[in-house]
Amino acid sequence: MIDLHCHLDLYSDPAQITATCKDRGIYVLSVTTTPSAWEGTARLAHGADRISTAVGLHPQLARARHAELEIFDRLLPLTRYVGEVGLDGAPEFQPHWDIQLAVFNHVLKACSNAGGRILSIHSRRATAAVLGRLQAYRDAGIPVLHWFSGSRRDLECAIDLGCWFSVGPAMLRSRNGRFLAALMPRDRVLTESDGPFAQDKGTPLMPWHVDRAVHILGELWSVSAAQAQQTIRRNLRALTMLVPDLRSAPR
């Protein structure tokens, strides 16, 4: 199983969830919401070869934590994964739009200067703006749009830009989420949980719950769940080959 967007450090018992992922052999991209959380989150994954840690600065925290860009710059050479980053256009975050843009531009420029990274990107109510920034920083790396919720036209633009997509059970519960997932290039789709933020009936989704997304993707693709899982595994191998591994870096 593959969970390309999970907040391991924010579960009530991060060590137990991490140990379970390790025991089950789940590949997890553990994203962070602030750069200062990266080192502690990376320690969770010590000895777990299939768990990688991304350095991020969530757009909802841009106003409060933008001073941590200095930490982001220091940590960027240690990982080939960046996330969760992006923009959020919800009304409560609109007053901080300029700071969000400044932070996202800084992140993309830093990634471009570093030779490119795999980026897990938040784009809630801000898809067009996110795509505009990705167009401006084409060398930032490989953008993976997490829980994509834009329009069909936005999706077409994202595909043209070379974006990848991570989809999870929460996204695929909605008719629109399934509609968009069915239109995504099959060779650029990966699964995610977005736990513990994403929930099912009030219970946080766990990394192993990505199997629910696999089954739905199989239905959308008219293949078995096993075949859908094989496609997702191939996609992960292809994605990781697009950005060099920093083998000397801690995971």
Protein backbone atom coordinates (compact mmCIF):
# COMPACT_ATOMS: atom_id res chain seq x y z
CA MET A 1 0.00 0.00 0.00
CA ILE A 2 1.07 3.56 -0.70
CA ASP A 3 0.10 6.66 1.28
CA LEU A 4 1.62 9.68 -0.42
CA HIS A 5 0.16 12.28 1.94
CA CYS A 6 -0.12 11.58 5.65
CA HIS A 7 0.57 13.64 8.79
CA LEU A 8 2.19 10.92 10.90
CA ASP A 9 3.30 13.36 13.58
CA LEU A 10 -0.24 14.62 14.21
CA TYR A 11 -1.90 11.32 15.18
CA SER A 12 -2.65 10.87 18.88
CA ASP A 13 0.00 8.12 19.02
CA PRO A 14 2.48 8.78 16.20
CA ALA A 15 4.95 6.10 17.29
CA GLN A 16 2.30 3.37 17.25
CA ILE A 17 0.94 4.40 13.84
CA THR A 18 4.47 4.52 12.45
CA ALA A 19 5.29 1.09 13.86
CA THR A 20 2.13 -0.35 12.30
CA CYS A 21 3.04 1.16 8.93
CA LYS A 22 6.49 -0.37 9.22
CA ASP A 23 5.10 -3.79 10.15
CA ARG A 24 2.66 -3.71 7.24
CA GLY A 25 5.29 -2.54 4.76
CA ILE A 26 3.30 0.56 3.80
CA TYR A 27 5.10 3.23 1.82
CA VAL A 28 4.30 6.55 3.51
CA LEU A 29 5.18 10.12 2.65
CA SER A 30 4.93 11.86 6.01
CA VAL A 31 4.25 15.52 5.28
CA THR A 32 4.81 18.30 7.80
CA THR A 33 2.90 21.54 8.34
CA THR A 34 5.88 23.55 9.63
CA PRO A 35 9.61 23.28 8.98
CA SER A 36 10.30 23.09 12.71
CA ALA A 37 8.33 19.82 12.84
CA TRP A 38 10.55 18.09 10.30
CA GLU A 39 13.36 16.81 12.49
CA GLY A 40 11.06 15.22 15.07
CA THR A 41 8.87 13.73 12.35
CA ALA A 42 11.90 12.34 10.53
CA ARG A 43 13.00 10.64 13.76
CA LEU A 44 9.70 8.77 13.80
CA ALA A 45 10.73 7.11 10.54
CA HIS A 46 14.19 6.06 11.74
CA GLY A 47 14.85 2.52 10.57
CA ALA A 48 11.74 2.46 8.36
CA ASP A 49 12.98 2.40 4.79
CA ARG A 50 9.52 2.86 3.32
CA ILE A 51 8.68 6.02 5.26
CA SER A 52 9.98 9.34 3.95
CA THR A 53 9.54 12.77 5.51
CA ALA A 54 8.71 15.93 3.58
CA VAL A 55 9.53 19.43 4.79
CA GLY A 56 6.61 21.80 4.45
CA LEU A 57 4.89 24.98 5.52
CA HIS A 58 1.12 24.67 5.26
CA PRO A 59 -0.61 27.68 3.67
CA GLN A 60 -3.05 27.90 6.57
CA LEU A 61 -0.05 28.49 8.85
CA ALA A 62 1.82 30.86 6.52
CA ARG A 63 0.97 33.99 8.50
CA ALA A 64 1.96 32.54 11.86
CA ARG A 65 5.04 30.59 10.72
CA HIS A 66 6.50 32.41 7.71
CA ALA A 67 9.62 33.20 9.75
CA GLU A 68 10.37 29.45 9.58
CA LEU A 69 11.34 29.76 5.92
CA GLU A 70 14.87 30.08 7.23
CA ILE A 71 14.52 26.60 8.72
CA PHE A 72 12.96 25.35 5.48
CA ASP A 73 16.00 26.52 3.52
CA ARG A 74 18.34 24.77 5.95
CA LEU A 75 16.45 21.47 5.75
CA LEU A 76 15.73 21.39 2.02
CA PRO A 77 19.08 19.77 1.12
CA LEU A 78 18.23 16.86 3.44
CA THR A 79 15.14 15.59 1.63
CA ARG A 80 13.81 15.21 -1.90
CA TYR A 81 10.23 15.66 -0.65
CA VAL A 82 8.48 18.96 0.07
CA GLY A 83 5.01 19.19 1.57
CA GLU A 84 2.54 20.21 2.66
CA VAL A 85 2.84 23.48 0.78
CA GLY A 86 0.58 25.49 -1.51
CA LEU A 87 -2.26 28.00 -1.26
CA ASP A 88 -5.65 28.07 0.46
CA GLY A 89 -8.39 30.34 -0.86
CA ALA A 90 -11.00 29.67 1.82
CA PRO A 91 -12.55 32.91 3.19
CA GLU A 92 -10.88 32.64 6.59
CA PHE A 93 -7.44 32.58 4.95
CA GLN A 94 -8.03 35.20 2.26
CA PRO A 95 -6.80 38.05 4.53
CA HIS A 96 -3.38 36.35 4.57
CA TRP A 97 -3.24 35.75 0.82
CA ASP A 98 -0.17 37.92 0.20
CA ILE A 99 1.81 36.07 2.87
CA GLN A 100 0.66 32.72 1.45
CA LEU A 101 1.86 33.76 -2.00
CA ALA A 102 5.19 34.97 -0.66
CA VAL A 103 5.76 31.70 1.20
CA PHE A 104 4.75 29.52 -1.77
CA ASN A 105 6.91 31.53 -4.16
CA HIS A 106 9.85 31.18 -1.78
CA VAL A 107 9.35 27.42 -1.55
CA LEU A 108 9.11 26.99 -5.32
CA LYS A 109 12.14 29.18 -5.98
CA ALA A 110 14.18 27.30 -3.36
CA CYS A 111 13.20 23.97 -4.91
CA SER A 112 14.14 25.25 -8.37
CA ASN A 113 17.53 26.37 -7.11
CA ALA A 114 18.04 23.01 -5.39
CA GLY A 115 17.48 21.05 -8.60
CA GLY A 116 13.83 20.11 -8.08
CA ARG A 117 11.85 18.19 -5.49
CA ILE A 118 8.72 16.05 -5.31
CA LEU A 119 6.10 18.43 -3.91
CA SER A 120 2.83 17.51 -2.17
CA ILE A 121 0.62 20.53 -2.81
CA HIS A 122 -2.50 21.92 -1.14
CA SER A 123 -4.78 23.85 -3.50
CA ARG A 124 -8.18 24.16 -1.79
CA ARG A 125 -10.20 26.94 -3.47
CA ALA A 126 -6.97 28.15 -5.04
CA THR A 127 -6.31 25.78 -7.93
CA ALA A 128 -5.87 28.42 -10.62
CA ALA A 129 -3.46 30.41 -8.46
CA VAL A 130 -1.44 27.30 -7.59
CA LEU A 131 -1.20 26.33 -11.26
CA GLY A 132 -0.09 29.85 -12.12
CA ARG A 133 2.75 29.62 -9.62
CA LEU A 134 3.75 26.17 -10.92
CA GLN A 135 3.80 27.58 -14.45
CA ALA A 136 6.15 30.32 -13.26
CA TYR A 137 8.47 27.82 -11.54
CA ARG A 138 8.59 24.90 -13.96
CA ASP A 139 11.95 23.76 -12.55
CA ALA A 140 10.66 23.38 -8.98
CA GLY A 141 10.22 19.65 -9.50
CA ILE A 142 7.26 17.30 -9.76
CA PRO A 143 4.02 18.72 -8.33
CA VAL A 144 1.63 16.20 -6.78
CA LEU A 145 -1.74 17.86 -6.20
CA HIS A 146 -3.17 16.38 -3.02
CA TRP A 147 -6.98 16.02 -2.74
CA PHE A 148 -7.57 17.93 -5.99
CA SER A 149 -10.91 19.78 -5.94
CA GLY A 150 -10.69 22.21 -8.85
CA SER A 151 -12.83 22.36 -11.96
CA ARG A 152 -12.53 20.12 -14.98
CA ARG A 153 -10.77 22.96 -16.80
CA ASP A 154 -8.34 23.32 -13.88
CA LEU A 155 -7.68 19.60 -14.08
CA GLU A 156 -6.90 19.82 -17.78
CA CYS A 157 -4.47 22.68 -17.10
CA ALA A 158 -2.83 20.69 -14.31
CA ILE A 159 -2.42 17.69 -16.58
CA ASP A 160 -0.87 19.88 -19.27
CA LEU A 161 1.57 21.23 -16.67
CA GLY A 162 2.70 17.68 -15.86
CA CYS A 163 1.10 17.51 -12.43
CA TRP A 164 0.53 14.26 -10.60
CA PHE A 165 -2.33 13.58 -8.19
CA SER A 166 -2.84 11.84 -4.85
CA VAL A 167 -6.39 10.75 -4.04
CA GLY A 168 -7.84 9.24 -0.91
CA PRO A 169 -10.98 7.70 0.54
CA ALA A 170 -12.30 11.07 1.75
CA MET A 171 -11.98 12.66 -1.69
CA LEU A 172 -13.46 9.65 -3.45
CA ARG A 173 -16.57 9.60 -1.25
CA SER A 174 -17.99 12.49 -3.27
CA ARG A 175 -19.42 12.20 -6.77
CA ASN A 176 -17.25 15.13 -7.93
CA GLY A 177 -14.14 13.56 -6.44
CA ARG A 178 -14.74 10.34 -8.32
CA PHE A 179 -15.55 12.27 -11.50
CA LEU A 180 -12.22 14.13 -11.33
CA ALA A 181 -10.26 11.00 -10.40
CA ALA A 182 -11.65 9.19 -13.43
CA LEU A 183 -10.29 11.96 -15.68
CA MET A 184 -6.78 11.94 -14.22
CA PRO A 185 -4.04 10.23 -16.24
CA ARG A 186 -3.90 6.73 -14.81
CA ASP A 187 -0.10 6.74 -14.83
CA ARG A 188 0.03 9.87 -12.63
CA VAL A 189 -2.30 8.84 -9.82
CA LEU A 190 -1.23 7.76 -6.33
CA THR A 191 -3.16 7.08 -3.14
CA GLU A 192 -3.21 9.04 0.12
CA SER A 193 -4.99 9.02 3.46
CA ASP A 194 -4.48 12.65 4.59
CA GLY A 195 -4.84 11.27 8.08
CA PRO A 196 -5.52 12.28 10.73
CA PHE A 197 -7.26 15.31 9.18
CA ALA A 198 -9.34 13.23 6.76
CA GLN A 199 -11.87 11.14 8.63
CA ASP A 200 -14.52 8.50 8.12
CA LYS A 201 -17.59 8.89 10.36
CA GLY A 202 -15.58 10.96 12.82
CA THR A 203 -12.64 8.55 12.98
CA PRO A 204 -9.28 9.59 11.52
CA LEU A 205 -8.21 7.71 8.41
CA MET A 206 -5.07 5.62 8.86
CA PRO A 207 -2.39 5.01 6.21
CA TRP A 208 -3.64 1.45 5.67
CA HIS A 209 -7.08 2.81 4.78
CA VAL A 210 -5.72 3.75 1.37
CA ASP A 211 -6.93 0.28 0.35
CA ARG A 212 -10.41 1.85 0.19
CA ALA A 213 -9.16 4.30 -2.43
CA VAL A 214 -7.52 1.47 -4.35
CA HIS A 215 -10.83 -0.37 -4.62
CA ILE A 216 -12.65 2.74 -5.84
CA LEU A 217 -9.93 3.46 -8.40
CA GLY A 218 -10.26 -0.11 -9.62
CA GLU A 219 -13.95 0.49 -10.19
CA LEU A 220 -13.29 3.78 -11.99
CA TRP A 221 -10.65 2.13 -14.18
CA SER A 222 -12.72 -1.04 -14.76
CA VAL A 223 -9.97 -3.25 -13.37
CA SER A 224 -9.58 -5.36 -10.24
CA ALA A 225 -8.29 -3.86 -7.01
CA ALA A 226 -5.12 -5.93 -7.43
CA GLN A 227 -4.54 -4.46 -10.89
CA ALA A 228 -5.19 -0.95 -9.59
CA GLN A 229 -2.65 -1.54 -6.83
CA GLN A 230 -0.07 -2.68 -9.39
CA THR A 231 -0.62 0.51 -11.37
CA ILE A 232 -0.16 2.65 -8.26
CA ARG A 233 3.07 0.83 -7.40
CA ARG A 234 4.38 1.40 -10.92
CA ASN A 235 3.45 5.04 -10.62
CA LEU A 236 5.38 5.44 -7.38
CA ARG A 237 8.48 3.88 -8.94
CA ALA A 238 8.15 6.21 -11.93
CA LEU A 239 7.66 9.27 -9.71
CA THR A 240 10.69 8.58 -7.54
CA MET A 241 12.86 8.15 -10.61
CA LEU A 242 12.04 11.69 -11.75
CA VAL A 243 13.88 13.34 -8.84
CA PRO A 244 17.28 12.04 -7.66
CA ASP A 245 17.42 10.33 -4.29
CA LEU A 246 19.55 12.11 -1.70
CA ARG A 247 21.04 8.90 -0.41
CA SER A 248 23.26 10.54 2.18
CA ALA A 249 20.32 12.34 3.76
CA PRO A 250 18.33 11.11 6.75
CA ARG A 251 14.84 9.97 5.82
